[in-house]
Amino acid sequence: MFEDLKKVISLFKYWDVHPDISQFEWRFKIQKFARIAEVLGFPLSYSFSIYLKGPYSCELTRDYYSHEDAVRTCASDYVLSPSEVKIAQKLKPYLTTDLQGLEAISTLVHLKQNLPELTDDEFFITIKNLKPYLSDSTVVIARNEVKKLLFDPSFLTPEIQQEIADWDQFDD
């Protein structure tokens, strides 16, 4: 699994941040960013399940504790591919997201991958049942962020683009 940890480290190296796993915040962020990146197509083989604070991987935890120095110094020889750089760029703005927001986003991403048939309302109810301490506004904002993260631009057919342009004329 160390090869997968090198990939995760490469994300933080790309962002020029050095996680300190002695701090809960960094362990939390490593877990959440790894899961979101994986759902976006980043090649990882960690197994995640919903735990107390969102998606969690025992294997990832074992890896970063076994290689604490590599994590802290961002020691990784893994080179991001162009598609992985796009994922890293997409995720970078979330480095400053508060922990509850990141928990909500990563949980929704995880649920969307595992339960794609659920409607927006069902996702809202599911996450509120799992995490009743998250405010409604946190969940709604997270849901909108997840829609942006998971948006597939191939849905923007020329016809839809024209319809959007037509609607945009009314904004002026």
N, C-alpha and C. Protein backbone atom coordinates (compact mmCIF):
# COMPACT_ATOMS: atom_id res chain seq x y z
N MET A 1 0.80 -1.21 0.00
CA MET A 1 0.00 0.00 0.00
C MET A 1 0.85 1.27 0.00
N PHE A 2 2.14 1.17 0.32
CA PHE A 2 2.96 2.37 0.36
C PHE A 2 2.94 3.10 -0.98
N GLU A 3 2.77 2.35 -2.08
CA GLU A 3 2.69 3.00 -3.39
C GLU A 3 1.48 3.94 -3.45
N ASP A 4 0.37 3.53 -2.86
CA ASP A 4 -0.80 4.41 -2.81
C ASP A 4 -0.54 5.63 -1.93
N LEU A 5 0.15 5.44 -0.83
CA LEU A 5 0.46 6.58 0.03
C LEU A 5 1.35 7.57 -0.71
N LYS A 6 2.28 7.08 -1.51
CA LYS A 6 3.12 7.99 -2.31
C LYS A 6 2.25 8.85 -3.23
N LYS A 7 1.19 8.26 -3.75
CA LYS A 7 0.28 9.02 -4.62
C LYS A 7 -0.44 10.11 -3.82
N VAL A 8 -0.90 9.75 -2.62
CA VAL A 8 -1.58 10.72 -1.76
C VAL A 8 -0.60 11.83 -1.38
N ILE A 9 0.61 11.45 -1.01
CA ILE A 9 1.62 12.44 -0.67
C ILE A 9 1.87 13.38 -1.84
N SER A 10 1.84 12.83 -3.06
CA SER A 10 2.11 13.66 -4.25
C SER A 10 1.08 14.78 -4.40
N LEU A 11 -0.15 14.54 -3.94
CA LEU A 11 -1.15 15.61 -3.97
C LEU A 11 -0.73 16.76 -3.05
N PHE A 12 -0.36 16.42 -1.84
CA PHE A 12 0.05 17.45 -0.88
C PHE A 12 1.34 18.13 -1.34
N LYS A 13 2.23 17.38 -1.95
CA LYS A 13 3.46 17.95 -2.50
C LYS A 13 3.10 18.96 -3.61
N TYR A 14 2.16 18.60 -4.47
CA TYR A 14 1.71 19.49 -5.54
C TYR A 14 1.15 20.79 -4.95
N TRP A 15 0.42 20.66 -3.84
CA TRP A 15 -0.18 21.83 -3.19
C TRP A 15 0.83 22.58 -2.32
N ASP A 16 2.03 22.04 -2.17
CA ASP A 16 3.08 22.63 -1.35
C ASP A 16 2.65 22.80 0.10
N VAL A 17 2.03 21.75 0.63
CA VAL A 17 1.68 21.72 2.05
C VAL A 17 2.27 20.45 2.66
N HIS A 18 2.62 20.53 3.92
CA HIS A 18 3.30 19.42 4.59
C HIS A 18 2.46 18.96 5.77
N PRO A 19 1.69 17.90 5.58
CA PRO A 19 0.83 17.41 6.66
C PRO A 19 1.62 16.89 7.86
N ASP A 20 1.13 17.21 9.02
CA ASP A 20 1.73 16.73 10.27
C ASP A 20 0.72 15.78 10.91
N ILE A 21 0.95 14.48 10.77
CA ILE A 21 -0.06 13.54 11.25
C ILE A 21 -0.16 13.46 12.77
N SER A 22 0.68 14.20 13.48
CA SER A 22 0.49 14.28 14.93
C SER A 22 -0.72 15.16 15.26
N GLN A 23 -1.21 15.90 14.25
CA GLN A 23 -2.38 16.75 14.43
C GLN A 23 -3.60 16.11 13.79
N PHE A 24 -4.69 16.07 14.55
CA PHE A 24 -5.94 15.48 14.05
C PHE A 24 -6.36 16.09 12.72
N GLU A 25 -6.25 17.41 12.60
CA GLU A 25 -6.70 18.10 11.39
C GLU A 25 -6.05 17.52 10.14
N TRP A 26 -4.75 17.23 10.22
CA TRP A 26 -4.05 16.71 9.05
C TRP A 26 -4.43 15.26 8.76
N ARG A 27 -4.60 14.45 9.78
CA ARG A 27 -5.04 13.07 9.55
C ARG A 27 -6.42 13.08 8.89
N PHE A 28 -7.26 13.95 9.38
CA PHE A 28 -8.61 14.12 8.85
C PHE A 28 -8.55 14.51 7.37
N LYS A 29 -7.75 15.53 7.06
CA LYS A 29 -7.66 16.02 5.68
C LYS A 29 -7.08 14.96 4.74
N ILE A 30 -6.08 14.22 5.21
CA ILE A 30 -5.51 13.17 4.36
C ILE A 30 -6.59 12.16 3.99
N GLN A 31 -7.38 11.74 4.97
CA GLN A 31 -8.45 10.77 4.71
C GLN A 31 -9.46 11.33 3.71
N LYS A 32 -9.92 12.55 3.95
CA LYS A 32 -10.99 13.11 3.12
C LYS A 32 -10.51 13.41 1.71
N PHE A 33 -9.32 14.00 1.58
CA PHE A 33 -8.81 14.31 0.24
C PHE A 33 -8.51 13.04 -0.54
N ALA A 34 -8.01 12.02 0.12
CA ALA A 34 -7.74 10.75 -0.58
C ALA A 34 -9.04 10.17 -1.13
N ARG A 35 -10.09 10.20 -0.32
CA ARG A 35 -11.37 9.63 -0.78
C ARG A 35 -11.97 10.44 -1.92
N ILE A 36 -11.98 11.76 -1.77
CA ILE A 36 -12.55 12.59 -2.84
C ILE A 36 -11.75 12.41 -4.12
N ALA A 37 -10.42 12.44 -4.01
CA ALA A 37 -9.57 12.27 -5.19
C ALA A 37 -9.83 10.93 -5.86
N GLU A 38 -9.98 9.89 -5.06
CA GLU A 38 -10.24 8.56 -5.61
C GLU A 38 -11.55 8.54 -6.40
N VAL A 39 -12.59 9.13 -5.85
CA VAL A 39 -13.88 9.17 -6.55
C VAL A 39 -13.77 9.97 -7.85
N LEU A 40 -12.91 10.98 -7.86
CA LEU A 40 -12.73 11.78 -9.07
C LEU A 40 -11.85 11.09 -10.11
N GLY A 41 -11.32 9.91 -9.78
CA GLY A 41 -10.54 9.16 -10.75
C GLY A 41 -9.08 9.01 -10.42
N PHE A 42 -8.65 9.50 -9.26
CA PHE A 42 -7.27 9.35 -8.83
C PHE A 42 -7.05 7.88 -8.49
N PRO A 43 -6.00 7.25 -9.04
CA PRO A 43 -5.82 5.79 -8.90
C PRO A 43 -5.32 5.35 -7.52
N LEU A 44 -6.25 5.06 -6.64
CA LEU A 44 -5.92 4.54 -5.31
C LEU A 44 -6.69 3.25 -5.09
N SER A 45 -6.14 2.39 -4.24
CA SER A 45 -6.84 1.13 -3.96
C SER A 45 -7.22 0.99 -2.50
N TYR A 46 -7.26 2.12 -1.80
CA TYR A 46 -7.69 2.08 -0.40
C TYR A 46 -9.18 1.78 -0.32
N SER A 47 -9.55 1.07 0.72
CA SER A 47 -10.96 0.76 0.96
C SER A 47 -11.49 1.75 2.00
N PHE A 48 -12.54 2.47 1.65
CA PHE A 48 -13.13 3.47 2.54
C PHE A 48 -14.53 3.05 2.96
N SER A 49 -14.87 3.40 4.19
CA SER A 49 -16.24 3.24 4.66
C SER A 49 -16.59 4.47 5.48
N ILE A 50 -17.88 4.69 5.68
CA ILE A 50 -18.30 5.84 6.47
C ILE A 50 -18.05 5.53 7.94
N TYR A 51 -17.35 6.44 8.59
CA TYR A 51 -17.01 6.28 9.99
C TYR A 51 -17.50 7.51 10.74
N LEU A 52 -17.01 7.74 11.92
CA LEU A 52 -17.50 8.85 12.75
C LEU A 52 -17.47 10.20 12.05
N LYS A 53 -16.40 10.51 11.37
CA LYS A 53 -16.24 11.83 10.74
C LYS A 53 -16.17 11.74 9.22
N GLY A 54 -16.86 10.78 8.65
CA GLY A 54 -16.89 10.68 7.19
C GLY A 54 -16.08 9.50 6.69
N PRO A 55 -15.76 9.50 5.40
CA PRO A 55 -15.01 8.38 4.82
C PRO A 55 -13.69 8.16 5.53
N TYR A 56 -13.39 6.88 5.78
CA TYR A 56 -12.20 6.52 6.55
C TYR A 56 -11.65 5.21 6.02
N SER A 57 -10.32 5.16 5.91
CA SER A 57 -9.64 3.95 5.47
C SER A 57 -8.62 3.52 6.52
N CYS A 58 -8.80 2.31 7.05
CA CYS A 58 -7.83 1.76 8.01
C CYS A 58 -6.47 1.59 7.36
N GLU A 59 -6.46 1.15 6.08
CA GLU A 59 -5.20 0.93 5.38
C GLU A 59 -4.42 2.24 5.22
N LEU A 60 -5.13 3.30 4.86
CA LEU A 60 -4.47 4.60 4.72
C LEU A 60 -3.90 5.06 6.06
N THR A 61 -4.66 4.87 7.13
CA THR A 61 -4.18 5.23 8.47
C THR A 61 -2.90 4.46 8.80
N ARG A 62 -2.93 3.17 8.56
CA ARG A 62 -1.75 2.33 8.83
C ARG A 62 -0.56 2.83 8.02
N ASP A 63 -0.79 3.18 6.75
CA ASP A 63 0.29 3.65 5.89
C ASP A 63 0.88 4.97 6.39
N TYR A 64 0.03 5.94 6.71
CA TYR A 64 0.64 7.22 7.09
C TYR A 64 1.30 7.18 8.45
N TYR A 65 0.83 6.30 9.34
CA TYR A 65 1.55 6.16 10.61
C TYR A 65 2.87 5.40 10.41
N SER A 66 2.90 4.47 9.47
CA SER A 66 4.13 3.71 9.20
C SER A 66 5.18 4.54 8.48
N HIS A 67 4.73 5.60 7.81
CA HIS A 67 5.64 6.43 7.00
C HIS A 67 5.45 7.90 7.33
N GLU A 68 5.43 8.19 8.61
CA GLU A 68 5.16 9.55 9.10
C GLU A 68 6.14 10.57 8.53
N ASP A 69 7.42 10.23 8.47
CA ASP A 69 8.41 11.18 7.95
C ASP A 69 8.16 11.49 6.47
N ALA A 70 7.82 10.48 5.71
CA ALA A 70 7.55 10.69 4.29
C ALA A 70 6.36 11.63 4.10
N VAL A 71 5.34 11.47 4.94
CA VAL A 71 4.17 12.35 4.85
C VAL A 71 4.56 13.78 5.20
N ARG A 72 5.24 13.95 6.31
CA ARG A 72 5.59 15.30 6.80
C ARG A 72 6.50 16.04 5.81
N THR A 73 7.42 15.31 5.19
CA THR A 73 8.37 15.95 4.27
C THR A 73 7.90 15.91 2.81
N CYS A 74 6.75 15.30 2.59
CA CYS A 74 6.22 15.12 1.23
C CYS A 74 7.22 14.39 0.34
N ALA A 75 7.83 13.35 0.90
CA ALA A 75 8.80 12.55 0.17
C ALA A 75 8.07 11.52 -0.68
N SER A 76 7.96 11.82 -1.95
CA SER A 76 7.31 10.91 -2.88
C SER A 76 7.94 11.07 -4.25
N ASP A 77 8.24 9.95 -4.87
CA ASP A 77 8.79 9.99 -6.22
C ASP A 77 7.69 9.80 -7.27
N TYR A 78 6.45 9.75 -6.79
CA TYR A 78 5.32 9.58 -7.71
C TYR A 78 5.09 10.89 -8.46
N VAL A 79 4.98 10.81 -9.78
CA VAL A 79 4.75 11.98 -10.62
C VAL A 79 3.30 11.96 -11.10
N LEU A 80 2.59 13.04 -10.81
CA LEU A 80 1.19 13.14 -11.21
C LEU A 80 1.08 13.19 -12.73
N SER A 81 0.12 12.44 -13.26
CA SER A 81 -0.18 12.50 -14.68
C SER A 81 -0.98 13.77 -14.95
N PRO A 82 -1.13 14.16 -16.22
CA PRO A 82 -1.93 15.35 -16.51
C PRO A 82 -3.36 15.28 -15.96
N SER A 83 -3.99 14.11 -16.02
CA SER A 83 -5.35 14.00 -15.48
C SER A 83 -5.35 14.08 -13.95
N GLU A 84 -4.30 13.60 -13.32
CA GLU A 84 -4.18 13.69 -11.86
C GLU A 84 -3.90 15.13 -11.43
N VAL A 85 -3.17 15.87 -12.24
CA VAL A 85 -2.94 17.29 -11.96
C VAL A 85 -4.28 18.04 -11.99
N LYS A 86 -5.13 17.69 -12.94
CA LYS A 86 -6.46 18.32 -13.02
C LYS A 86 -7.26 18.04 -11.74
N ILE A 87 -7.17 16.83 -11.24
CA ILE A 87 -7.86 16.48 -10.00
C ILE A 87 -7.27 17.29 -8.85
N ALA A 88 -5.95 17.38 -8.79
CA ALA A 88 -5.29 18.16 -7.73
C ALA A 88 -5.71 19.63 -7.80
N GLN A 89 -5.79 20.17 -8.99
CA GLN A 89 -6.21 21.57 -9.15
C GLN A 89 -7.66 21.76 -8.71
N LYS A 90 -8.50 20.79 -9.01
CA LYS A 90 -9.91 20.85 -8.62
C LYS A 90 -10.06 20.82 -7.09
N LEU A 91 -9.19 20.08 -6.43
CA LEU A 91 -9.30 19.91 -4.98
C LEU A 91 -8.60 20.99 -4.16
N LYS A 92 -7.64 21.67 -4.74
CA LYS A 92 -6.83 22.63 -3.97
C LYS A 92 -7.67 23.67 -3.22
N PRO A 93 -8.73 24.23 -3.81
CA PRO A 93 -9.50 25.22 -3.06
C PRO A 93 -10.11 24.69 -1.75
N TYR A 94 -10.26 23.39 -1.65
CA TYR A 94 -10.88 22.80 -0.46
C TYR A 94 -9.90 22.65 0.71
N LEU A 95 -8.62 22.98 0.47
CA LEU A 95 -7.65 22.94 1.56
C LEU A 95 -8.04 23.90 2.69
N THR A 96 -8.74 24.97 2.34
CA THR A 96 -9.13 25.96 3.34
C THR A 96 -10.56 25.77 3.84
N THR A 97 -11.23 24.74 3.38
CA THR A 97 -12.59 24.45 3.84
C THR A 97 -12.53 24.00 5.30
N ASP A 98 -13.48 24.49 6.10
CA ASP A 98 -13.50 24.06 7.50
C ASP A 98 -13.76 22.56 7.58
N LEU A 99 -13.42 21.95 8.69
CA LEU A 99 -13.48 20.49 8.80
C LEU A 99 -14.88 19.94 8.65
N GLN A 100 -15.89 20.62 9.18
CA GLN A 100 -17.26 20.12 9.01
C GLN A 100 -17.68 20.19 7.55
N GLY A 101 -17.29 21.24 6.86
CA GLY A 101 -17.59 21.33 5.44
C GLY A 101 -16.91 20.22 4.65
N LEU A 102 -15.65 19.96 4.97
CA LEU A 102 -14.91 18.90 4.29
C LEU A 102 -15.49 17.53 4.63
N GLU A 103 -15.93 17.37 5.86
CA GLU A 103 -16.59 16.12 6.26
C GLU A 103 -17.86 15.91 5.45
N ALA A 104 -18.66 16.96 5.31
CA ALA A 104 -19.91 16.86 4.56
C ALA A 104 -19.63 16.58 3.08
N ILE A 105 -18.67 17.28 2.49
CA ILE A 105 -18.34 17.08 1.07
C ILE A 105 -17.86 15.65 0.84
N SER A 106 -16.92 15.20 1.65
CA SER A 106 -16.36 13.85 1.43
C SER A 106 -17.41 12.77 1.68
N THR A 107 -18.28 12.98 2.65
CA THR A 107 -19.34 12.01 2.91
C THR A 107 -20.31 11.95 1.73
N LEU A 108 -20.69 13.11 1.21
CA LEU A 108 -21.60 13.13 0.06
C LEU A 108 -20.96 12.52 -1.19
N VAL A 109 -19.68 12.79 -1.40
CA VAL A 109 -18.98 12.19 -2.55
C VAL A 109 -18.99 10.67 -2.40
N HIS A 110 -18.69 10.20 -1.21
CA HIS A 110 -18.69 8.76 -0.94
C HIS A 110 -20.09 8.17 -1.18
N LEU A 111 -21.10 8.82 -0.66
CA LEU A 111 -22.48 8.33 -0.84
C LEU A 111 -22.88 8.35 -2.31
N LYS A 112 -22.52 9.43 -3.02
CA LYS A 112 -22.88 9.52 -4.44
C LYS A 112 -22.27 8.37 -5.23
N GLN A 113 -21.05 7.98 -4.88
CA GLN A 113 -20.43 6.87 -5.61
C GLN A 113 -21.11 5.55 -5.27
N ASN A 114 -21.49 5.38 -4.02
CA ASN A 114 -22.05 4.11 -3.59
C ASN A 114 -23.56 4.01 -3.75
N LEU A 115 -24.26 5.14 -3.80
CA LEU A 115 -25.72 5.15 -3.93
C LEU A 115 -26.15 6.16 -4.99
N PRO A 116 -25.72 5.99 -6.23
CA PRO A 116 -25.98 7.01 -7.25
C PRO A 116 -27.46 7.21 -7.58
N GLU A 117 -28.29 6.26 -7.19
CA GLU A 117 -29.71 6.37 -7.52
C GLU A 117 -30.48 7.33 -6.60
N LEU A 118 -29.87 7.75 -5.50
CA LEU A 118 -30.56 8.64 -4.58
C LEU A 118 -30.75 10.04 -5.18
N THR A 119 -31.89 10.64 -4.86
CA THR A 119 -32.16 12.02 -5.29
C THR A 119 -31.45 12.99 -4.34
N ASP A 120 -31.43 14.26 -4.71
CA ASP A 120 -30.82 15.28 -3.84
C ASP A 120 -31.47 15.28 -2.46
N ASP A 121 -32.78 15.20 -2.42
CA ASP A 121 -33.49 15.19 -1.14
C ASP A 121 -33.11 13.96 -0.31
N GLU A 122 -32.98 12.82 -0.96
CA GLU A 122 -32.61 11.59 -0.25
C GLU A 122 -31.18 11.67 0.28
N PHE A 123 -30.28 12.30 -0.50
CA PHE A 123 -28.92 12.50 -0.01
C PHE A 123 -28.92 13.39 1.22
N PHE A 124 -29.71 14.44 1.17
CA PHE A 124 -29.81 15.37 2.29
C PHE A 124 -30.29 14.63 3.54
N ILE A 125 -31.34 13.85 3.40
CA ILE A 125 -31.89 13.11 4.54
C ILE A 125 -30.88 12.08 5.05
N THR A 126 -30.21 11.40 4.13
CA THR A 126 -29.23 10.38 4.52
C THR A 126 -28.09 10.99 5.32
N ILE A 127 -27.53 12.09 4.82
CA ILE A 127 -26.40 12.68 5.54
C ILE A 127 -26.85 13.27 6.87
N LYS A 128 -28.05 13.82 6.92
CA LYS A 128 -28.54 14.37 8.19
C LYS A 128 -28.79 13.25 9.21
N ASN A 129 -29.19 12.08 8.73
CA ASN A 129 -29.35 10.93 9.63
C ASN A 129 -27.99 10.42 10.11
N LEU A 130 -27.02 10.41 9.23
CA LEU A 130 -25.68 9.96 9.60
C LEU A 130 -24.96 10.97 10.50
N LYS A 131 -25.19 12.24 10.23
CA LYS A 131 -24.44 13.32 10.88
C LYS A 131 -25.38 14.44 11.29
N PRO A 132 -26.22 14.20 12.29
CA PRO A 132 -27.21 15.22 12.68
C PRO A 132 -26.60 16.51 13.21
N TYR A 133 -25.35 16.48 13.60
CA TYR A 133 -24.69 17.68 14.12
C TYR A 133 -24.29 18.66 13.02
N LEU A 134 -24.29 18.22 11.76
CA LEU A 134 -23.98 19.13 10.66
C LEU A 134 -25.20 20.02 10.41
N SER A 135 -24.97 21.31 10.28
CA SER A 135 -26.08 22.23 10.04
C SER A 135 -26.66 22.00 8.66
N ASP A 136 -27.91 22.39 8.49
CA ASP A 136 -28.55 22.29 7.18
C ASP A 136 -27.76 23.07 6.14
N SER A 137 -27.30 24.26 6.51
CA SER A 137 -26.56 25.08 5.54
C SER A 137 -25.25 24.41 5.14
N THR A 138 -24.57 23.77 6.08
CA THR A 138 -23.32 23.05 5.75
C THR A 138 -23.60 21.94 4.75
N VAL A 139 -24.69 21.22 4.95
CA VAL A 139 -25.03 20.12 4.05
C VAL A 139 -25.44 20.64 2.67
N VAL A 140 -26.20 21.71 2.62
CA VAL A 140 -26.63 22.27 1.34
C VAL A 140 -25.43 22.81 0.56
N ILE A 141 -24.55 23.53 1.25
CA ILE A 141 -23.34 24.05 0.59
C ILE A 141 -22.48 22.88 0.09
N ALA A 142 -22.33 21.85 0.92
CA ALA A 142 -21.55 20.68 0.52
C ALA A 142 -22.17 20.00 -0.69
N ARG A 143 -23.48 19.89 -0.69
CA ARG A 143 -24.18 19.26 -1.83
C ARG A 143 -23.89 20.03 -3.12
N ASN A 144 -23.90 21.35 -3.05
CA ASN A 144 -23.60 22.16 -4.24
C ASN A 144 -22.14 22.00 -4.67
N GLU A 145 -21.24 21.92 -3.70
CA GLU A 145 -19.82 21.72 -4.03
C GLU A 145 -19.60 20.36 -4.68
N VAL A 146 -20.29 19.36 -4.18
CA VAL A 146 -20.16 18.00 -4.75
C VAL A 146 -20.68 17.99 -6.19
N LYS A 147 -21.75 18.70 -6.45
CA LYS A 147 -22.26 18.79 -7.82
C LYS A 147 -21.20 19.38 -8.75
N LYS A 148 -20.49 20.41 -8.26
CA LYS A 148 -19.42 21.00 -9.07
C LYS A 148 -18.27 20.02 -9.26
N LEU A 149 -17.88 19.36 -8.18
CA LEU A 149 -16.76 18.41 -8.25
C LEU A 149 -17.04 17.26 -9.21
N LEU A 150 -18.26 16.75 -9.17
CA LEU A 150 -18.60 15.56 -9.95
C LEU A 150 -19.22 15.87 -11.31
N PHE A 151 -19.34 17.16 -11.65
CA PHE A 151 -19.97 17.54 -12.91
C PHE A 151 -19.19 16.97 -14.09
N ASP A 152 -19.91 16.38 -15.01
CA ASP A 152 -19.32 15.82 -16.22
C ASP A 152 -19.60 16.76 -17.39
N PRO A 153 -18.58 17.46 -17.89
CA PRO A 153 -18.80 18.44 -18.95
C PRO A 153 -19.34 17.84 -20.25
N SER A 154 -19.26 16.52 -20.40
CA SER A 154 -19.80 15.91 -21.62
C SER A 154 -21.32 16.07 -21.71
N PHE A 155 -21.96 16.42 -20.59
CA PHE A 155 -23.40 16.66 -20.61
C PHE A 155 -23.76 17.97 -21.30
N LEU A 156 -22.76 18.84 -21.49
CA LEU A 156 -23.02 20.12 -22.12
C LEU A 156 -22.99 19.97 -23.64
N THR A 157 -24.03 19.38 -24.15
CA THR A 157 -24.14 19.21 -25.59
C THR A 157 -24.31 20.58 -26.24
N PRO A 158 -24.08 20.68 -27.54
CA PRO A 158 -24.29 21.98 -28.21
C PRO A 158 -25.71 22.53 -27.99
N GLU A 159 -26.69 21.65 -27.95
CA GLU A 159 -28.07 22.09 -27.74
C GLU A 159 -28.24 22.71 -26.35
N ILE A 160 -27.67 22.06 -25.36
CA ILE A 160 -27.77 22.58 -23.99
C ILE A 160 -26.99 23.89 -23.88
N GLN A 161 -25.83 23.95 -24.50
CA GLN A 161 -25.05 25.19 -24.46
C GLN A 161 -25.83 26.34 -25.08
N GLN A 162 -26.55 26.07 -26.18
CA GLN A 162 -27.36 27.10 -26.82
C GLN A 162 -28.50 27.53 -25.90
N GLU A 163 -29.12 26.57 -25.25
CA GLU A 163 -30.21 26.90 -24.33
C GLU A 163 -29.70 27.76 -23.16
N ILE A 164 -28.53 27.43 -22.65
CA ILE A 164 -27.93 28.23 -21.57
C ILE A 164 -27.66 29.65 -22.07
N ALA A 165 -27.11 29.76 -23.28
CA ALA A 165 -26.83 31.08 -23.87
C ALA A 165 -28.13 31.87 -24.02
N ASP A 166 -29.19 31.20 -24.46
CA ASP A 166 -30.49 31.87 -24.60
C ASP A 166 -30.99 32.38 -23.26
N TRP A 167 -30.87 31.57 -22.23
CA TRP A 167 -31.31 31.98 -20.89
C TRP A 167 -30.45 33.10 -20.34
N ASP A 168 -29.15 33.04 -20.63
CA ASP A 168 -28.25 34.08 -20.14
C ASP A 168 -28.57 35.45 -20.71
N GLN A 169 -29.21 35.50 -21.89
CA GLN A 169 -29.59 36.77 -22.48
C GLN A 169 -30.57 37.53 -21.57
N PHE A 170 -31.36 36.80 -20.80
CA PHE A 170 -32.35 37.43 -19.93
C PHE A 170 -31.72 38.04 -18.69
N ASP A 171 -30.46 37.68 -18.40
CA ASP A 171 -29.76 38.23 -17.23
C ASP A 171 -29.29 39.66 -17.46
N ASP A 172 -29.16 40.05 -18.71
CA ASP A 172 -28.61 41.38 -19.01
C ASP A 172 -29.60 42.48 -18.80
